[in-house]
């Protein structure tokens, strides 16, 4: 369900870090279409939201998607866009993903 380059990014990570890499990617994948106004019905394989790196595809233009530091057991992302002239100054959309699999007990 992810962009092919994002799948490669997950598989390139050490196995112990793959759940965290996936969670960060998925939080971005949820924040971005909400910022577009399309919601999560938009295909998650559309548009690359992985980490910028040499040879990686470009991220979609006109948007900024950033990870939000929320501690080691959670992943969150922020999607920012500039609305058309005459609109509000800035649109901010956040999505928080639950635990990354660590027990808090």
N, C-alpha and C. Protein backbone atom coordinates (compact mmCIF):
# COMPACT_ATOMS: atom_id res chain seq x y z
N UNK A 1 0.81 -1.21 0.00
CA UNK A 1 0.00 0.00 0.00
C UNK A 1 0.85 1.27 0.00
N UNK A 2 2.14 1.16 0.20
CA UNK A 2 3.00 2.34 0.22
C UNK A 2 3.65 2.54 -1.15
N UNK A 3 4.18 3.72 -1.35
CA UNK A 3 4.95 4.02 -2.55
C UNK A 3 6.13 3.04 -2.60
N UNK A 4 6.51 2.56 -3.79
CA UNK A 4 7.62 1.60 -3.86
C UNK A 4 8.91 2.07 -3.19
N UNK A 5 9.23 3.35 -3.30
CA UNK A 5 10.45 3.86 -2.66
C UNK A 5 10.31 3.86 -1.14
N UNK A 6 9.10 4.03 -0.63
CA UNK A 6 8.89 3.97 0.82
C UNK A 6 9.05 2.53 1.31
N UNK A 7 8.56 1.58 0.53
CA UNK A 7 8.75 0.17 0.90
C UNK A 7 10.23 -0.17 0.94
N UNK A 8 10.99 0.34 -0.02
CA UNK A 8 12.44 0.10 -0.02
C UNK A 8 13.09 0.72 1.21
N UNK A 9 12.61 1.89 1.61
CA UNK A 9 13.15 2.56 2.81
C UNK A 9 12.93 1.71 4.05
N UNK A 10 11.76 1.13 4.18
CA UNK A 10 11.47 0.26 5.33
C UNK A 10 12.38 -0.96 5.31
N UNK A 11 12.49 -1.61 4.16
CA UNK A 11 13.30 -2.84 4.08
C UNK A 11 14.79 -2.56 4.21
N UNK A 12 15.23 -1.35 3.95
CA UNK A 12 16.64 -1.00 4.11
C UNK A 12 17.02 -0.77 5.58
N UNK A 13 16.02 -0.52 6.41
CA UNK A 13 16.29 -0.30 7.84
C UNK A 13 16.58 -1.63 8.52
N UNK A 14 17.37 -1.61 9.60
CA UNK A 14 17.59 -2.84 10.36
C UNK A 14 16.23 -3.38 10.84
N UNK A 15 16.06 -4.70 10.89
CA UNK A 15 14.76 -5.27 11.27
C UNK A 15 14.18 -4.70 12.56
N UNK A 16 15.01 -4.42 13.54
CA UNK A 16 14.50 -3.90 14.82
C UNK A 16 13.93 -2.49 14.69
N UNK A 17 14.34 -1.74 13.66
CA UNK A 17 13.86 -0.37 13.48
C UNK A 17 12.71 -0.26 12.48
N UNK A 18 12.40 -1.33 11.78
CA UNK A 18 11.36 -1.27 10.75
C UNK A 18 10.00 -0.84 11.27
N UNK A 19 9.54 -1.31 12.44
CA UNK A 19 8.24 -0.83 12.93
C UNK A 19 8.21 0.69 13.12
N UNK A 20 9.29 1.26 13.63
CA UNK A 20 9.34 2.71 13.85
C UNK A 20 9.39 3.45 12.51
N UNK A 21 10.15 2.95 11.54
CA UNK A 21 10.22 3.57 10.22
C UNK A 21 8.83 3.54 9.58
N UNK A 22 8.16 2.39 9.65
CA UNK A 22 6.81 2.27 9.10
C UNK A 22 5.86 3.25 9.78
N UNK A 23 5.90 3.32 11.11
CA UNK A 23 4.98 4.20 11.84
C UNK A 23 5.17 5.66 11.44
N UNK A 24 6.43 6.09 11.29
CA UNK A 24 6.67 7.48 10.87
C UNK A 24 6.12 7.71 9.46
N UNK A 25 6.36 6.76 8.55
CA UNK A 25 5.83 6.89 7.19
C UNK A 25 4.31 6.93 7.20
N UNK A 26 3.70 6.05 7.99
CA UNK A 26 2.24 5.99 7.99
C UNK A 26 1.64 7.26 8.59
N UNK A 27 2.25 7.82 9.62
CA UNK A 27 1.74 9.08 10.17
C UNK A 27 1.79 10.17 9.12
N UNK A 28 2.86 10.21 8.32
CA UNK A 28 2.94 11.19 7.22
C UNK A 28 1.86 10.91 6.19
N UNK A 29 1.64 9.61 5.89
CA UNK A 29 0.66 9.22 4.89
C UNK A 29 -0.76 9.59 5.32
N UNK A 30 -1.01 9.67 6.60
CA UNK A 30 -2.33 10.08 7.07
C UNK A 30 -2.46 11.60 7.14
N UNK A 31 -1.40 12.27 7.53
CA UNK A 31 -1.46 13.74 7.64
C UNK A 31 -1.58 14.39 6.26
N UNK A 32 -0.84 13.89 5.29
CA UNK A 32 -0.79 14.52 3.96
C UNK A 32 -2.15 14.58 3.27
N UNK A 33 -2.89 13.47 3.08
CA UNK A 33 -4.17 13.58 2.38
C UNK A 33 -5.23 14.35 3.17
N UNK A 34 -5.11 14.35 4.49
CA UNK A 34 -6.03 15.17 5.27
C UNK A 34 -5.78 16.64 4.97
N UNK A 35 -4.50 16.99 4.78
CA UNK A 35 -4.16 18.36 4.40
C UNK A 35 -4.66 18.71 3.01
N UNK A 36 -4.72 17.73 2.13
CA UNK A 36 -5.25 17.95 0.78
C UNK A 36 -6.77 18.07 0.79
N UNK A 37 -7.39 17.55 1.85
CA UNK A 37 -8.84 17.54 1.93
C UNK A 37 -9.45 16.29 1.32
N UNK A 38 -8.61 15.34 0.92
CA UNK A 38 -9.12 14.11 0.32
C UNK A 38 -9.35 13.02 1.36
N UNK A 39 -8.76 13.17 2.52
CA UNK A 39 -8.88 12.15 3.55
C UNK A 39 -8.07 10.92 3.21
N UNK A 40 -8.20 9.89 4.04
CA UNK A 40 -7.40 8.70 3.88
C UNK A 40 -7.90 7.80 2.75
N UNK A 41 -8.94 8.19 2.05
CA UNK A 41 -9.41 7.43 0.90
C UNK A 41 -8.46 7.52 -0.28
N UNK A 42 -7.58 8.50 -0.26
CA UNK A 42 -6.57 8.64 -1.32
C UNK A 42 -5.57 7.51 -1.18
N UNK A 43 -5.17 6.91 -2.26
CA UNK A 43 -4.25 5.78 -2.22
C UNK A 43 -2.94 6.12 -1.54
N UNK A 44 -2.54 5.36 -0.51
CA UNK A 44 -1.28 5.65 0.18
C UNK A 44 -0.04 5.41 -0.67
N UNK A 45 -0.22 4.74 -1.81
CA UNK A 45 0.93 4.53 -2.69
C UNK A 45 1.17 5.73 -3.61
N UNK A 46 0.24 6.69 -3.60
CA UNK A 46 0.39 7.89 -4.41
C UNK A 46 1.24 8.91 -3.68
N UNK A 47 2.26 9.39 -4.28
CA UNK A 47 3.11 10.41 -3.66
C UNK A 47 4.10 9.83 -2.68
N UNK A 48 5.33 10.26 -2.80
CA UNK A 48 6.42 9.80 -1.94
C UNK A 48 6.52 10.71 -0.73
N UNK A 49 6.45 10.13 0.47
CA UNK A 49 6.61 10.89 1.71
C UNK A 49 7.72 10.32 2.58
N UNK A 50 8.59 9.53 1.97
CA UNK A 50 9.73 8.97 2.69
C UNK A 50 10.78 10.04 2.95
N UNK A 51 11.89 9.61 3.51
CA UNK A 51 12.98 10.54 3.82
C UNK A 51 13.68 10.97 2.54
N UNK A 52 13.92 12.27 2.38
CA UNK A 52 14.68 12.72 1.22
C UNK A 52 16.09 12.13 1.27
N UNK A 53 16.53 11.60 0.16
CA UNK A 53 17.86 11.00 0.07
C UNK A 53 18.28 11.02 -1.39
N UNK A 54 19.57 10.91 -1.65
CA UNK A 54 20.01 10.85 -3.05
C UNK A 54 19.32 9.69 -3.77
N UNK A 55 18.76 9.97 -4.92
CA UNK A 55 18.07 8.96 -5.71
C UNK A 55 16.63 8.73 -5.32
N UNK A 56 16.17 9.31 -4.21
CA UNK A 56 14.77 9.15 -3.79
C UNK A 56 13.89 10.08 -4.62
N UNK A 57 12.64 9.69 -4.83
CA UNK A 57 11.73 10.59 -5.55
C UNK A 57 11.52 11.89 -4.78
N UNK A 58 11.09 12.89 -5.47
CA UNK A 58 10.76 14.16 -4.81
C UNK A 58 9.43 14.02 -4.08
N UNK A 59 9.31 14.74 -3.00
CA UNK A 59 8.01 14.79 -2.31
C UNK A 59 7.05 15.64 -3.12
N UNK A 60 5.74 15.49 -2.89
CA UNK A 60 4.77 16.28 -3.65
C UNK A 60 5.00 17.79 -3.46
N UNK A 61 4.87 18.57 -4.53
CA UNK A 61 5.10 20.02 -4.43
C UNK A 61 3.97 20.73 -3.69
N UNK A 62 4.28 21.90 -3.15
CA UNK A 62 3.28 22.74 -2.52
C UNK A 62 2.88 22.35 -1.12
N UNK A 63 3.54 21.35 -0.57
CA UNK A 63 3.21 20.88 0.78
C UNK A 63 4.50 20.65 1.55
N UNK A 64 4.39 20.76 2.86
CA UNK A 64 5.47 20.41 3.76
C UNK A 64 4.95 19.36 4.72
N UNK A 65 5.63 18.24 4.83
CA UNK A 65 5.25 17.19 5.77
C UNK A 65 6.45 16.94 6.68
N UNK A 66 6.23 17.09 7.98
CA UNK A 66 7.31 16.96 8.96
C UNK A 66 6.91 15.99 10.05
N UNK A 67 7.89 15.26 10.56
CA UNK A 67 7.68 14.44 11.74
C UNK A 67 7.61 15.35 12.96
N UNK A 68 6.78 14.98 13.92
CA UNK A 68 6.68 15.72 15.18
C UNK A 68 7.25 14.82 16.27
N UNK A 69 8.24 15.31 17.02
CA UNK A 69 8.78 14.47 18.09
C UNK A 69 7.77 14.31 19.22
N UNK A 70 7.35 13.08 19.45
CA UNK A 70 6.35 12.79 20.49
C UNK A 70 6.81 11.66 21.41
N UNK A 71 8.09 11.41 21.45
CA UNK A 71 8.62 10.36 22.31
C UNK A 71 8.89 9.09 21.54
N UNK A 72 9.58 8.15 22.17
CA UNK A 72 10.04 6.95 21.48
C UNK A 72 8.94 5.94 21.16
N UNK A 73 7.78 6.05 21.76
CA UNK A 73 6.74 5.05 21.56
C UNK A 73 5.61 5.51 20.66
N UNK A 74 5.75 6.68 20.05
CA UNK A 74 4.68 7.21 19.20
C UNK A 74 5.27 7.84 17.95
N UNK A 75 4.43 8.00 16.95
CA UNK A 75 4.83 8.69 15.72
C UNK A 75 3.74 9.70 15.40
N UNK A 76 4.14 10.88 14.96
CA UNK A 76 3.19 11.92 14.58
C UNK A 76 3.78 12.70 13.43
N UNK A 77 2.91 13.26 12.62
CA UNK A 77 3.35 14.05 11.47
C UNK A 77 2.47 15.27 11.34
N UNK A 78 3.03 16.28 10.73
CA UNK A 78 2.36 17.56 10.51
C UNK A 78 2.41 17.84 9.01
N UNK A 79 1.27 18.17 8.42
CA UNK A 79 1.22 18.53 7.00
C UNK A 79 0.83 20.00 6.90
N UNK A 80 1.64 20.77 6.19
CA UNK A 80 1.40 22.20 6.03
C UNK A 80 1.20 22.53 4.56
N UNK A 81 0.29 23.43 4.29
CA UNK A 81 0.09 23.89 2.92
C UNK A 81 -0.20 25.37 2.92
N UNK A 82 0.09 25.99 1.80
CA UNK A 82 -0.26 27.39 1.62
C UNK A 82 -1.55 27.44 0.82
N UNK A 83 -2.64 27.95 1.41
CA UNK A 83 -3.90 28.02 0.69
C UNK A 83 -3.86 29.09 -0.40
N UNK A 84 -4.84 29.10 -1.31
CA UNK A 84 -4.89 30.12 -2.36
C UNK A 84 -4.97 31.53 -1.77
N UNK A 85 -4.63 32.52 -2.57
CA UNK A 85 -4.69 33.91 -2.13
C UNK A 85 -6.08 34.22 -1.59
N UNK A 86 -6.10 34.95 -0.50
CA UNK A 86 -7.36 35.32 0.13
C UNK A 86 -7.81 34.32 1.18
N UNK A 87 -7.12 33.17 1.28
CA UNK A 87 -7.47 32.16 2.27
C UNK A 87 -6.74 32.44 3.57
N UNK A 88 -6.90 31.56 4.53
CA UNK A 88 -6.19 31.74 5.81
C UNK A 88 -4.68 31.68 5.60
N UNK A 89 -3.95 32.21 6.53
CA UNK A 89 -2.49 32.26 6.43
C UNK A 89 -1.85 30.89 6.29
N UNK A 90 -2.28 29.92 7.06
CA UNK A 90 -1.62 28.63 7.08
C UNK A 90 -2.62 27.55 7.49
N UNK A 91 -2.59 26.41 6.83
CA UNK A 91 -3.42 25.28 7.20
C UNK A 91 -2.52 24.24 7.86
N UNK A 92 -2.90 23.75 9.03
CA UNK A 92 -2.11 22.77 9.76
C UNK A 92 -2.98 21.54 10.02
N UNK A 93 -2.46 20.36 9.68
CA UNK A 93 -3.18 19.10 9.88
C UNK A 93 -2.25 18.13 10.57
N UNK A 94 -2.67 17.56 11.68
CA UNK A 94 -1.84 16.61 12.41
C UNK A 94 -2.53 15.26 12.49
N UNK A 95 -1.73 14.21 12.55
CA UNK A 95 -2.27 12.87 12.81
C UNK A 95 -1.33 12.20 13.80
N UNK A 96 -1.91 11.59 14.82
CA UNK A 96 -1.11 10.89 15.82
C UNK A 96 -1.39 9.41 15.70
N UNK A 97 -0.34 8.61 15.64
CA UNK A 97 -0.44 7.16 15.55
C UNK A 97 -0.10 6.60 16.91
N UNK A 98 -0.80 5.56 17.33
CA UNK A 98 -0.60 4.99 18.65
C UNK A 98 0.75 4.37 18.88
N UNK A 99 0.84 3.53 19.84
CA UNK A 99 2.09 2.94 20.29
C UNK A 99 2.86 2.25 19.17
N UNK A 100 4.17 2.29 19.26
CA UNK A 100 5.04 1.62 18.30
C UNK A 100 5.37 0.21 18.76
N UNK A 101 4.59 -0.33 19.69
CA UNK A 101 4.76 -1.72 20.07
C UNK A 101 5.47 -1.96 21.38
N UNK A 102 5.80 -0.94 22.10
CA UNK A 102 6.46 -1.14 23.39
C UNK A 102 5.41 -1.23 24.47
N UNK A 103 5.64 -2.09 25.43
CA UNK A 103 4.72 -2.21 26.57
C UNK A 103 5.04 -1.15 27.59
N UNK A 104 3.99 -0.54 28.12
CA UNK A 104 4.19 0.46 29.16
C UNK A 104 3.92 -0.15 30.54
N UNK A 105 3.60 -1.43 30.58
CA UNK A 105 3.28 -2.08 31.85
C UNK A 105 4.52 -2.38 32.66
